[in-house]
Amino acid sequence: MAEDMESNYLLVSYILKKDYNLLWAHDGEEALEIYRTHKIDIILMDMRMPRLGGLATAEQIRKTDHETPIIALTAFAFESDREQTEKAGCDDFVSKPINADLLLSKIRKYLPA
């Protein structure tokens, strides 16, 4: 999960801890480093982060990887925001505040049991 706000990371970690192992990147640069050095099944990507934002990070990943699902997590829920995330290479979109059931259903869509 790429997320600069600890409270958001803790919330998602609490939601997912029973079924998934979560790695935390504090910004896009760290997300790319974790992506390059670990086997990642799915990426949860905040859109607004320091150093390198989520859109640019997703675009970097998509230059070489078109398979790993990327779910955008953002406080901006307008249709134009969704379109920007799709253009950057995100497969799906969850707006903040995070709804636990919605997040889990999106993840299960890409990582079936």
PDB file of N, CA and C in Angstrom:
ATOM      1  N   MET A   1       0.839  -1.178   0.000  1.00  0.00           N
ATOM      2  CA  MET A   1       0.000   0.000   0.000  1.00  0.00           C
ATOM      3  C   MET A   1       0.882   1.238   0.000  1.00  0.00           C
ATOM      4  N   ALA A   2       0.627   2.117  -0.943  1.00  0.00           N
ATOM      5  CA  ALA A   2       1.325   3.397  -1.000  1.00  0.00           C
ATOM      6  C   ALA A   2       0.395   4.452  -0.409  1.00  0.00           C
ATOM      7  N   GLU A   3       0.801   4.996   0.744  1.00  0.00           N
ATOM      8  CA  GLU A   3      -0.048   5.954   1.468  1.00  0.00           C
ATOM      9  C   GLU A   3       0.821   6.757   2.417  1.00  0.00           C
ATOM     10  N   ASP A   4       0.739   8.083   2.326  1.00  0.00           N
ATOM     11  CA  ASP A   4       1.574   8.923   3.185  1.00  0.00           C
ATOM     12  C   ASP A   4       0.955   9.199   4.554  1.00  0.00           C
ATOM     13  N   MET A   5      -0.317   8.979   4.721  1.00  0.00           N
ATOM     14  CA  MET A   5      -0.987   9.255   5.995  1.00  0.00           C
ATOM     15  C   MET A   5      -1.073   7.972   6.833  1.00  0.00           C
ATOM     16  N   GLU A   6      -0.435   8.005   7.994  1.00  0.00           N
ATOM     17  CA  GLU A   6      -0.410   6.811   8.842  1.00  0.00           C
ATOM     18  C   GLU A   6      -1.810   6.351   9.225  1.00  0.00           C
ATOM     19  N   SER A   7      -2.710   7.273   9.501  1.00  0.00           N
ATOM     20  CA  SER A   7      -4.064   6.890   9.904  1.00  0.00           C
ATOM     21  C   SER A   7      -4.777   6.109   8.801  1.00  0.00           C
ATOM     22  N   ASN A   8      -4.585   6.507   7.555  1.00  0.00           N
ATOM     23  CA  ASN A   8      -5.196   5.771   6.438  1.00  0.00           C
ATOM     24  C   ASN A   8      -4.579   4.383   6.300  1.00  0.00           C
ATOM     25  N   TYR A   9      -3.261   4.306   6.450  1.00  0.00           N
ATOM     26  CA  TYR A   9      -2.592   3.012   6.388  1.00  0.00           C
ATOM     27  C   TYR A   9      -3.103   2.097   7.506  1.00  0.00           C
ATOM     28  N   LEU A  10      -3.203   2.616   8.721  1.00  0.00           N
ATOM     29  CA  LEU A  10      -3.657   1.807   9.853  1.00  0.00           C
ATOM     30  C   LEU A  10      -5.085   1.297   9.641  1.00  0.00           C
ATOM     31  N   LEU A  11      -5.944   2.143   9.094  1.00  0.00           N
ATOM     32  CA  LEU A  11      -7.314   1.730   8.808  1.00  0.00           C
ATOM     33  C   LEU A  11      -7.332   0.567   7.809  1.00  0.00           C
ATOM     34  N   VAL A  12      -6.636   0.734   6.695  1.00  0.00           N
ATOM     35  CA  VAL A  12      -6.621  -0.313   5.669  1.00  0.00           C
ATOM     36  C   VAL A  12      -5.964  -1.575   6.215  1.00  0.00           C
ATOM     37  N   SER A  13      -4.900  -1.406   6.970  1.00  0.00           N
ATOM     38  CA  SER A  13      -4.219  -2.552   7.563  1.00  0.00           C
ATOM     39  C   SER A  13      -5.163  -3.322   8.496  1.00  0.00           C
ATOM     40  N   TYR A  14      -5.958  -2.613   9.267  1.00  0.00           N
ATOM     41  CA  TYR A  14      -6.933  -3.248  10.147  1.00  0.00           C
ATOM     42  C   TYR A  14      -7.976  -4.023   9.332  1.00  0.00           C
ATOM     43  N   ILE A  15      -8.442  -3.439   8.239  1.00  0.00           N
ATOM     44  CA  ILE A  15      -9.447  -4.076   7.382  1.00  0.00           C
ATOM     45  C   ILE A  15      -8.897  -5.356   6.755  1.00  0.00           C
ATOM     46  N   LEU A  16      -7.633  -5.331   6.358  1.00  0.00           N
ATOM     47  CA  LEU A  16      -7.065  -6.432   5.572  1.00  0.00           C
ATOM     48  C   LEU A  16      -6.268  -7.458   6.365  1.00  0.00           C
ATOM     49  N   LYS A  17      -5.958  -7.181   7.630  1.00  0.00           N
ATOM     50  CA  LYS A  17      -4.979  -7.990   8.367  1.00  0.00           C
ATOM     51  C   LYS A  17      -5.338  -9.466   8.487  1.00  0.00           C
ATOM     52  N   LYS A  18      -6.610  -9.815   8.491  1.00  0.00           N
ATOM     53  CA  LYS A  18      -6.989 -11.219   8.620  1.00  0.00           C
ATOM     54  C   LYS A  18      -6.690 -12.025   7.364  1.00  0.00           C
ATOM     55  N   ASP A  19      -6.722 -11.397   6.201  1.00  0.00           N
ATOM     56  CA  ASP A  19      -6.618 -12.136   4.950  1.00  0.00           C
ATOM     57  C   ASP A  19      -5.396 -11.809   4.090  1.00  0.00           C
ATOM     58  N   TYR A  20      -4.727 -10.699   4.376  1.00  0.00           N
ATOM     59  CA  TYR A  20      -3.647 -10.248   3.493  1.00  0.00           C
ATOM     60  C   TYR A  20      -2.457  -9.721   4.284  1.00  0.00           C
ATOM     61  N   ASN A  21      -1.278  -9.867   3.698  1.00  0.00           N
ATOM     62  CA  ASN A  21      -0.061  -9.238   4.236  1.00  0.00           C
ATOM     63  C   ASN A  21       0.124  -7.922   3.506  1.00  0.00           C
ATOM     64  N   LEU A  22       0.394  -6.878   4.239  1.00  0.00           N
ATOM     65  CA  LEU A  22       0.468  -5.540   3.668  1.00  0.00           C
ATOM     66  C   LEU A  22       1.857  -4.953   3.867  1.00  0.00           C
ATOM     67  N   LEU A  23       2.427  -4.416   2.796  1.00  0.00           N
ATOM     68  CA  LEU A  23       3.677  -3.659   2.863  1.00  0.00           C
ATOM     69  C   LEU A  23       3.309  -2.193   2.714  1.00  0.00           C
ATOM     70  N   TRP A  24       3.998  -1.307   3.466  1.00  0.00           N
ATOM     71  CA  TRP A  24       3.646   0.112   3.463  1.00  0.00           C
ATOM     72  C   TRP A  24       4.748   0.949   2.840  1.00  0.00           C
ATOM     73  N   ALA A  25       4.393   1.669   1.806  1.00  0.00           N
ATOM     74  CA  ALA A  25       5.257   2.684   1.211  1.00  0.00           C
ATOM     75  C   ALA A  25       4.684   4.037   1.593  1.00  0.00           C
ATOM     76  N   HIS A  26       5.550   4.954   2.043  1.00  0.00           N
ATOM     77  CA  HIS A  26       5.094   6.267   2.495  1.00  0.00           C
ATOM     78  C   HIS A  26       4.932   7.277   1.358  1.00  0.00           C
ATOM     79  N   ASP A  27       5.433   6.934   0.180  1.00  0.00           N
ATOM     80  CA  ASP A  27       5.296   7.809  -0.987  1.00  0.00           C
ATOM     81  C   ASP A  27       5.544   6.980  -2.245  1.00  0.00           C
ATOM     82  N   GLY A  28       5.423   7.616  -3.400  1.00  0.00           N
ATOM     83  CA  GLY A  28       5.586   6.909  -4.663  1.00  0.00           C
ATOM     84  C   GLY A  28       6.976   6.351  -4.887  1.00  0.00           C
ATOM     85  N   GLU A  29       7.998   7.073  -4.463  1.00  0.00           N
ATOM     86  CA  GLU A  29       9.373   6.588  -4.620  1.00  0.00           C
ATOM     87  C   GLU A  29       9.565   5.291  -3.836  1.00  0.00           C
ATOM     88  N   GLU A  30       9.091   5.274  -2.610  1.00  0.00           N
ATOM     89  CA  GLU A  30       9.197   4.081  -1.779  1.00  0.00           C
ATOM     90  C   GLU A  30       8.350   2.944  -2.360  1.00  0.00           C
ATOM     91  N   ALA A  31       7.199   3.283  -2.916  1.00  0.00           N
ATOM     92  CA  ALA A  31       6.341   2.273  -3.542  1.00  0.00           C
ATOM     93  C   ALA A  31       7.061   1.592  -4.700  1.00  0.00           C
ATOM     94  N   LEU A  32       7.757   2.363  -5.512  1.00  0.00           N
ATOM     95  CA  LEU A  32       8.501   1.782  -6.625  1.00  0.00           C
ATOM     96  C   LEU A  32       9.609   0.869  -6.120  1.00  0.00           C
ATOM     97  N   GLU A  33      10.287   1.270  -5.069  1.00  0.00           N
ATOM     98  CA  GLU A  33      11.350   0.440  -4.506  1.00  0.00           C
ATOM     99  C   GLU A  33      10.795  -0.883  -3.972  1.00  0.00           C
ATOM    100  N   ILE A  34       9.704  -0.823  -3.239  1.00  0.00           N
ATOM    101  CA  ILE A  34       9.075  -2.044  -2.724  1.00  0.00           C
ATOM    102  C   ILE A  34       8.593  -2.900  -3.890  1.00  0.00           C
ATOM    103  N   TYR A  35       7.994  -2.293  -4.876  1.00  0.00           N
ATOM    104  CA  TYR A  35       7.506  -3.022  -6.050  1.00  0.00           C
ATOM    105  C   TYR A  35       8.655  -3.766  -6.744  1.00  0.00           C
ATOM    106  N   ARG A  36       9.797  -3.118  -6.858  1.00  0.00           N
ATOM    107  CA  ARG A  36      10.944  -3.728  -7.541  1.00  0.00           C
ATOM    108  C   ARG A  36      11.600  -4.846  -6.740  1.00  0.00           C
ATOM    109  N   THR A  37      11.439  -4.842  -5.425  1.00  0.00           N
ATOM    110  CA  THR A  37      12.177  -5.793  -4.593  1.00  0.00           C
ATOM    111  C   THR A  37      11.307  -6.870  -3.937  1.00  0.00           C
ATOM    112  N   HIS A  38      10.014  -6.846  -4.152  1.00  0.00           N
ATOM    113  CA  HIS A  38       9.113  -7.823  -3.553  1.00  0.00           C
ATOM    114  C   HIS A  38       8.145  -8.368  -4.600  1.00  0.00           C
ATOM    115  N   LYS A  39       7.611  -9.539  -4.334  1.00  0.00           N
ATOM    116  CA  LYS A  39       6.542 -10.098  -5.161  1.00  0.00           C
ATOM    117  C   LYS A  39       5.241  -9.458  -4.679  1.00  0.00           C
ATOM    118  N   ILE A  40       4.647  -8.642  -5.524  1.00  0.00           N
ATOM    119  CA  ILE A  40       3.442  -7.895  -5.164  1.00  0.00           C
ATOM    120  C   ILE A  40       2.250  -8.473  -5.938  1.00  0.00           C
ATOM    121  N   ASP A  41       1.158  -8.763  -5.228  1.00  0.00           N
ATOM    122  CA  ASP A  41      -0.035  -9.311  -5.873  1.00  0.00           C
ATOM    123  C   ASP A  41      -1.022  -8.234  -6.304  1.00  0.00           C
ATOM    124  N   ILE A  42      -1.054  -7.137  -5.547  1.00  0.00           N
ATOM    125  CA  ILE A  42      -1.973  -6.034  -5.836  1.00  0.00           C
ATOM    126  C   ILE A  42      -1.397  -4.771  -5.192  1.00  0.00           C
ATOM    127  N   ILE A  43      -1.687  -3.627  -5.793  1.00  0.00           N
ATOM    128  CA  ILE A  43      -1.181  -2.350  -5.276  1.00  0.00           C
ATOM    129  C   ILE A  43      -2.371  -1.462  -4.930  1.00  0.00           C
ATOM    130  N   LEU A  44      -2.366  -0.957  -3.707  1.00  0.00           N
ATOM    131  CA  LEU A  44      -3.343   0.043  -3.271  1.00  0.00           C
ATOM    132  C   LEU A  44      -2.595   1.369  -3.271  1.00  0.00           C
ATOM    133  N   MET A  45      -3.018   2.304  -4.107  1.00  0.00           N
ATOM    134  CA  MET A  45      -2.226   3.502  -4.382  1.00  0.00           C
ATOM    135  C   MET A  45      -2.979   4.783  -4.043  1.00  0.00           C
ATOM    136  N   ASP A  46      -2.498   5.482  -3.020  1.00  0.00           N
ATOM    137  CA  ASP A  46      -2.997   6.826  -2.739  1.00  0.00           C
ATOM    138  C   ASP A  46      -2.585   7.718  -3.911  1.00  0.00           C
ATOM    139  N   MET A  47      -3.380   8.674  -4.252  1.00  0.00           N
ATOM    140  CA  MET A  47      -3.073   9.522  -5.397  1.00  0.00           C
ATOM    141  C   MET A  47      -2.239  10.746  -5.040  1.00  0.00           C
ATOM    142  N   ARG A  48      -2.416  11.259  -3.834  1.00  0.00           N
ATOM    143  CA  ARG A  48      -1.666  12.458  -3.426  1.00  0.00           C
ATOM    144  C   ARG A  48      -0.660  12.096  -2.348  1.00  0.00           C
ATOM    145  N   MET A  49       0.607  12.038  -2.770  1.00  0.00           N
ATOM    146  CA  MET A  49       1.698  11.711  -1.849  1.00  0.00           C
ATOM    147  C   MET A  49       2.886  12.610  -2.156  1.00  0.00           C
ATOM    148  N   PRO A  50       3.763  12.780  -1.167  1.00  0.00           N
ATOM    149  CA  PRO A  50       4.971  13.585  -1.420  1.00  0.00           C
ATOM    150  C   PRO A  50       5.938  12.862  -2.349  1.00  0.00           C
ATOM    151  N   ARG A  51       6.906  13.608  -2.846  1.00  0.00           N
ATOM    152  CA  ARG A  51       7.973  13.140  -3.741  1.00  0.00           C
ATOM    153  C   ARG A  51       7.459  12.634  -5.089  1.00  0.00           C
ATOM    154  N   LEU A  52       6.621  11.627  -5.091  1.00  0.00           N
ATOM    155  CA  LEU A  52       6.074  11.100  -6.340  1.00  0.00           C
ATOM    156  C   LEU A  52       4.646  10.665  -6.065  1.00  0.00           C
ATOM    157  N   GLY A  53       3.703  11.290  -6.739  1.00  0.00           N
ATOM    158  CA  GLY A  53       2.291  11.001  -6.502  1.00  0.00           C
ATOM    159  C   GLY A  53       1.856   9.678  -7.098  1.00  0.00           C
ATOM    160  N   GLY A  54       0.639   9.288  -6.777  1.00  0.00           N
ATOM    161  CA  GLY A  54       0.105   8.008  -7.219  1.00  0.00           C
ATOM    162  C   GLY A  54      -0.056   7.877  -8.715  1.00  0.00           C
ATOM    163  N   LEU A  55      -0.485   8.943  -9.388  1.00  0.00           N
ATOM    164  CA  LEU A  55      -0.640   8.861 -10.842  1.00  0.00           C
ATOM    165  C   LEU A  55       0.699   8.585 -11.513  1.00  0.00           C
ATOM    166  N   ALA A  56       1.725   9.329 -11.136  1.00  0.00           N
ATOM    167  CA  ALA A  56       3.055   9.142 -11.733  1.00  0.00           C
ATOM    168  C   ALA A  56       3.629   7.776 -11.369  1.00  0.00           C
ATOM    169  N   THR A  57       3.378   7.312 -10.157  1.00  0.00           N
ATOM    170  CA  THR A  57       3.869   6.002  -9.738  1.00  0.00           C
ATOM    171  C   THR A  57       3.198   4.903 -10.549  1.00  0.00           C
ATOM    172  N   ALA A  58       1.890   4.995 -10.718  1.00  0.00           N
ATOM    173  CA  ALA A  58       1.163   4.006 -11.532  1.00  0.00           C
ATOM    174  C   ALA A  58       1.682   4.009 -12.970  1.00  0.00           C
ATOM    175  N   GLU A  59       1.914   5.190 -13.522  1.00  0.00           N
ATOM    176  CA  GLU A  59       2.446   5.280 -14.883  1.00  0.00           C
ATOM    177  C   GLU A  59       3.808   4.607 -14.989  1.00  0.00           C
ATOM    178  N   GLN A  60       4.663   4.777 -13.979  1.00  0.00           N
ATOM    179  CA  GLN A  60       5.987   4.144 -13.983  1.00  0.00           C
ATOM    180  C   GLN A  60       5.846   2.617 -13.964  1.00  0.00           C
ATOM    181  N   ILE A  61       4.973   2.108 -13.128  1.00  0.00           N
ATOM    182  CA  ILE A  61       4.766   0.663 -13.035  1.00  0.00           C
ATOM    183  C   ILE A  61       4.230   0.116 -14.347  1.00  0.00           C
ATOM    184  N   ARG A  62       3.308   0.827 -14.948  1.00  0.00           N
ATOM    185  CA  ARG A  62       2.681   0.362 -16.194  1.00  0.00           C
ATOM    186  C   ARG A  62       3.635   0.361 -17.399  1.00  0.00           C
ATOM    187  N   LYS A  63       4.758   1.018 -17.290  1.00  0.00           N
ATOM    188  CA  LYS A  63       5.734   0.973 -18.383  1.00  0.00           C
ATOM    189  C   LYS A  63       6.259  -0.443 -18.603  1.00  0.00           C
ATOM    190  N   THR A  64       6.290  -1.245 -17.537  1.00  0.00           N
ATOM    191  CA  THR A  64       6.823  -2.595 -17.655  1.00  0.00           C
ATOM    192  C   THR A  64       5.869  -3.682 -17.175  1.00  0.00           C
ATOM    193  N   ASP A  65       4.821  -3.323 -16.470  1.00  0.00           N
ATOM    194  CA  ASP A  65       3.922  -4.318 -15.879  1.00  0.00           C
ATOM    195  C   ASP A  65       2.480  -3.932 -16.167  1.00  0.00           C
ATOM    196  N   HIS A  66       1.811  -4.767 -16.967  1.00  0.00           N
ATOM    197  CA  HIS A  66       0.409  -4.516 -17.285  1.00  0.00           C
ATOM    198  C   HIS A  66      -0.506  -5.506 -16.576  1.00  0.00           C
ATOM    199  N   GLU A  67       0.073  -6.334 -15.713  1.00  0.00           N
ATOM    200  CA  GLU A  67      -0.684  -7.400 -15.066  1.00  0.00           C
ATOM    201  C   GLU A  67      -1.061  -7.112 -13.615  1.00  0.00           C
ATOM    202  N   THR A  68      -0.133  -6.577 -12.818  1.00  0.00           N
ATOM    203  CA  THR A  68      -0.400  -6.362 -11.391  1.00  0.00           C
ATOM    204  C   THR A  68      -1.534  -5.348 -11.231  1.00  0.00           C
ATOM    205  N   PRO A  69      -2.616  -5.743 -10.569  1.00  0.00           N
ATOM    206  CA  PRO A  69      -3.727  -4.802 -10.379  1.00  0.00           C
ATOM    207  C   PRO A  69      -3.322  -3.622  -9.492  1.00  0.00           C
ATOM    208  N   ILE A  70      -3.778  -2.436  -9.884  1.00  0.00           N
ATOM    209  CA  ILE A  70      -3.565  -1.221  -9.098  1.00  0.00           C
ATOM    210  C   ILE A  70      -4.932  -0.619  -8.797  1.00  0.00           C
ATOM    211  N   ILE A  71      -5.211  -0.454  -7.509  1.00  0.00           N
ATOM    212  CA  ILE A  71      -6.457   0.187  -7.084  1.00  0.00           C
ATOM    213  C   ILE A  71      -6.110   1.561  -6.527  1.00  0.00           C
ATOM    214  N   ALA A  72      -6.666   2.583  -7.135  1.00  0.00           N
ATOM    215  CA  ALA A  72      -6.460   3.958  -6.677  1.00  0.00           C
ATOM    216  C   ALA A  72      -7.301   4.209  -5.431  1.00  0.00           C
ATOM    217  N   LEU A  73      -6.667   4.810  -4.423  1.00  0.00           N
ATOM    218  CA  LEU A  73      -7.369   5.237  -3.211  1.00  0.00           C
ATOM    219  C   LEU A  73      -7.246   6.747  -3.150  1.00  0.00           C
ATOM    220  N   THR A  74      -8.374   7.449  -3.176  1.00  0.00           N
ATOM    221  CA  THR A  74      -8.289   8.898  -3.231  1.00  0.00           C
ATOM    222  C   THR A  74      -9.472   9.578  -2.567  1.00  0.00           C
ATOM    223  N   ALA A  75      -9.223  10.739  -2.034  1.00  0.00           N
ATOM    224  CA  ALA A  75     -10.284  11.552  -1.446  1.00  0.00           C
ATOM    225  C   ALA A  75     -11.087  12.269  -2.527  1.00  0.00           C
ATOM    226  N   PHE A  76     -10.562  12.268  -3.743  1.00  0.00           N
ATOM    227  CA  PHE A  76     -11.225  12.951  -4.853  1.00  0.00           C
ATOM    228  C   PHE A  76     -12.049  11.940  -5.631  1.00  0.00           C
ATOM    229  N   ALA A  77     -13.359  12.118  -5.622  1.00  0.00           N
ATOM    230  CA  ALA A  77     -14.256  11.105  -6.169  1.00  0.00           C
ATOM    231  C   ALA A  77     -15.033  11.576  -7.390  1.00  0.00           C
ATOM    232  N   PHE A  78     -14.571  12.621  -8.050  1.00  0.00           N
ATOM    233  CA  PHE A  78     -15.255  13.085  -9.254  1.00  0.00           C
ATOM    234  C   PHE A  78     -14.946  12.165 -10.423  1.00  0.00           C
ATOM    235  N   GLU A  79     -15.811  12.164 -11.416  1.00  0.00           N
ATOM    236  CA  GLU A  79     -15.598  11.326 -12.598  1.00  0.00           C
ATOM    237  C   GLU A  79     -14.274  11.657 -13.284  1.00  0.00           C
ATOM    238  N   SER A  80     -13.885  12.927 -13.290  1.00  0.00           N
ATOM    239  CA  SER A  80     -12.602  13.304 -13.906  1.00  0.00           C
ATOM    240  C   SER A  80     -11.425  12.685 -13.151  1.00  0.00           C
ATOM    241  N   ASP A  81     -11.549  12.539 -11.834  1.00  0.00           N
ATOM    242  CA  ASP A  81     -10.500  11.896 -11.042  1.00  0.00           C
ATOM    243  C   ASP A  81     -10.397  10.416 -11.410  1.00  0.00           C
ATOM    244  N   ARG A  82     -11.529   9.764 -11.546  1.00  0.00           N
ATOM    245  CA  ARG A  82     -11.554   8.352 -11.950  1.00  0.00           C
ATOM    246  C   ARG A  82     -10.905   8.195 -13.324  1.00  0.00           C
ATOM    247  N   GLU A  83     -11.228   9.087 -14.231  1.00  0.00           N
ATOM    248  CA  GLU A  83     -10.650   9.026 -15.581  1.00  0.00           C
ATOM    249  C   GLU A  83      -9.135   9.197 -15.542  1.00  0.00           C
ATOM    250  N   GLN A  84      -8.646  10.094 -14.695  1.00  0.00           N
ATOM    251  CA  GLN A  84      -7.196  10.287 -14.570  1.00  0.00           C
ATOM    252  C   GLN A  84      -6.514   9.034 -14.055  1.00  0.00           C
ATOM    253  N   THR A  85      -7.130   8.365 -13.092  1.00  0.00           N
ATOM    254  CA  THR A  85      -6.517   7.149 -12.555  1.00  0.00           C
ATOM    255  C   THR A  85      -6.498   6.044 -13.612  1.00  0.00           C
ATOM    256  N   GLU A  86      -7.550   5.939 -14.393  1.00  0.00           N
ATOM    257  CA  GLU A  86      -7.586   4.937 -15.462  1.00  0.00           C
ATOM    258  C   GLU A  86      -6.522   5.239 -16.513  1.00  0.00           C
ATOM    259  N   LYS A  87      -6.386   6.500 -16.864  1.00  0.00           N
ATOM    260  CA  LYS A  87      -5.392   6.896 -17.855  1.00  0.00           C
ATOM    261  C   LYS A  87      -3.970   6.577 -17.377  1.00  0.00           C
ATOM    262  N   ALA A  88      -3.735   6.694 -16.074  1.00  0.00           N
ATOM    263  CA  ALA A  88      -2.416   6.409 -15.495  1.00  0.00           C
ATOM    264  C   ALA A  88      -2.147   4.908 -15.407  1.00  0.00           C
ATOM    265  N   GLY A  89      -3.195   4.095 -15.551  1.00  0.00           N
ATOM    266  CA  GLY A  89      -3.008   2.653 -15.526  1.00  0.00           C
ATOM    267  C   GLY A  89      -3.633   1.935 -14.351  1.00  0.00           C
ATOM    268  N   CYS A  90      -4.395   2.665 -13.537  1.00  0.00           N
ATOM    269  CA  CYS A  90      -5.067   2.008 -12.415  1.00  0.00           C
ATOM    270  C   CYS A  90      -6.239   1.181 -12.935  1.00  0.00           C
ATOM    271  N   ASP A  91      -6.441   0.033 -12.311  1.00  0.00           N
ATOM    272  CA  ASP A  91      -7.507  -0.873 -12.727  1.00  0.00           C
ATOM    273  C   ASP A  91      -8.834  -0.569 -12.058  1.00  0.00           C
ATOM    274  N   ASP A  92      -8.776   0.070 -10.899  1.00  0.00           N
ATOM    275  CA  ASP A  92     -10.004   0.330 -10.150  1.00  0.00           C
ATOM    276  C   ASP A  92      -9.791   1.542  -9.259  1.00  0.00           C
ATOM    277  N   PHE A  93     -10.845   1.907  -8.518  1.00  0.00           N
ATOM    278  CA  PHE A  93     -10.900   3.192  -7.824  1.00  0.00           C
ATOM    279  C   PHE A  93     -11.734   3.033  -6.567  1.00  0.00           C
ATOM    280  N   VAL A  94     -11.211   3.452  -5.421  1.00  0.00           N
ATOM    281  CA  VAL A  94     -11.976   3.489  -4.177  1.00  0.00           C
ATOM    282  C   VAL A  94     -11.795   4.879  -3.585  1.00  0.00           C
ATOM    283  N   SER A  95     -12.900   5.542  -3.313  1.00  0.00           N
ATOM    284  CA  SER A  95     -12.795   6.889  -2.751  1.00  0.00           C
ATOM    285  C   SER A  95     -12.716   6.823  -1.229  1.00  0.00           C
ATOM    286  N   LYS A  96     -12.066   7.838  -0.673  1.00  0.00           N
ATOM    287  CA  LYS A  96     -11.966   7.978   0.777  1.00  0.00           C
ATOM    288  C   LYS A  96     -13.114   8.850   1.254  1.00  0.00           C
ATOM    289  N   PRO A  97     -13.623   8.660   2.442  1.00  0.00           N
ATOM    290  CA  PRO A  97     -13.164   7.687   3.423  1.00  0.00           C
ATOM    291  C   PRO A  97     -13.433   6.254   2.941  1.00  0.00           C
ATOM    292  N   ILE A  98     -12.540   5.355   3.306  1.00  0.00           N
ATOM    293  CA  ILE A  98     -12.582   3.977   2.850  1.00  0.00           C
ATOM    294  C   ILE A  98     -13.752   3.225   3.472  1.00  0.00           C
ATOM    295  N   ASN A  99     -14.538   2.593   2.623  1.00  0.00           N
ATOM    296  CA  ASN A  99     -15.597   1.699   3.054  1.00  0.00           C
ATOM    297  C   ASN A  99     -15.005   0.289   3.044  1.00  0.00           C
ATOM    298  N   ALA A 100     -14.958  -0.382   4.189  1.00  0.00           N
ATOM    299  CA  ALA A 100     -14.301  -1.679   4.321  1.00  0.00           C
ATOM    300  C   ALA A 100     -14.870  -2.722   3.359  1.00  0.00           C
ATOM    301  N   ASP A 101     -16.190  -2.819   3.273  1.00  0.00           N
ATOM    302  CA  ASP A 101     -16.804  -3.825   2.404  1.00  0.00           C
ATOM    303  C   ASP A 101     -16.483  -3.567   0.938  1.00  0.00           C
ATOM    304  N   LEU A 102     -16.515  -2.306   0.542  1.00  0.00           N
ATOM    305  CA  LEU A 102     -16.197  -1.967  -0.840  1.00  0.00           C
ATOM    306  C   LEU A 102     -14.736  -2.285  -1.158  1.00  0.00           C
ATOM    307  N   LEU A 103     -13.835  -1.905  -0.262  1.00  0.00           N
ATOM    308  CA  LEU A 103     -12.415  -2.193  -0.489  1.00  0.00           C
ATOM    309  C   LEU A 103     -12.182  -3.687  -0.611  1.00  0.00           C
ATOM    310  N   LEU A 104     -12.738  -4.462   0.290  1.00  0.00           N
ATOM    311  CA  LEU A 104     -12.566  -5.920   0.236  1.00  0.00           C
ATOM    312  C   LEU A 104     -13.140  -6.507  -1.045  1.00  0.00           C
ATOM    313  N   SER A 105     -14.283  -6.025  -1.485  1.00  0.00           N
ATOM    314  CA  SER A 105     -14.875  -6.563  -2.721  1.00  0.00           C
ATOM    315  C   SER A 105     -14.015  -6.217  -3.930  1.00  0.00           C
ATOM    316  N   LYS A 106     -13.431  -5.022  -3.945  1.00  0.00           N
ATOM    317  CA  LYS A 106     -12.540  -4.640  -5.059  1.00  0.00           C
ATOM    318  C   LYS A 106     -11.294  -5.522  -5.075  1.00  0.00           C
ATOM    319  N   ILE A 107     -10.705  -5.750  -3.895  1.00  0.00           N
ATOM    320  CA  ILE A 107      -9.520  -6.583  -3.823  1.00  0.00           C
ATOM    321  C   ILE A 107      -9.846  -8.015  -4.271  1.00  0.00           C
ATOM    322  N   ARG A 108     -10.951  -8.550  -3.805  1.00  0.00           N
ATOM    323  CA  ARG A 108     -11.353  -9.925  -4.164  1.00  0.00           C
ATOM    324  C   ARG A 108     -11.663 -10.064  -5.646  1.00  0.00           C
ATOM    325  N   LYS A 109     -12.051  -8.973  -6.263  1.00  0.00           N
ATOM    326  CA  LYS A 109     -12.289  -8.984  -7.716  1.00  0.00           C
ATOM    327  C   LYS A 109     -10.996  -9.340  -8.458  1.00  0.00           C
ATOM    328  N   TYR A 110      -9.860  -8.868  -7.950  1.00  0.00           N
ATOM    329  CA  TYR A 110      -8.567  -9.099  -8.603  1.00  0.00           C
ATOM    330  C   TYR A 110      -7.777 -10.249  -7.990  1.00  0.00           C
ATOM    331  N   LEU A 111      -8.077 -10.593  -6.740  1.00  0.00           N
ATOM    332  CA  LEU A 111      -7.393 -11.699  -6.054  1.00  0.00           C
ATOM    333  C   LEU A 111      -8.444 -12.678  -5.530  1.00  0.00           C
ATOM    334  N   PRO A 112      -9.067 -13.418  -6.434  1.00  0.00           N
ATOM    335  CA  PRO A 112     -10.097 -14.352  -5.967  1.00  0.00           C
ATOM    336  C   PRO A 112      -9.506 -15.408  -5.035  1.00  0.00           C
ATOM    337  N   ALA A 113     -10.312 -15.832  -4.100  1.00  0.00           N
ATOM    338  CA  ALA A 113      -9.861 -16.825  -3.106  1.00  0.00           C
ATOM    339  C   ALA A 113      -9.575 -18.173  -3.742  1.00  0.00           C
TER     340      ALA A 113
END
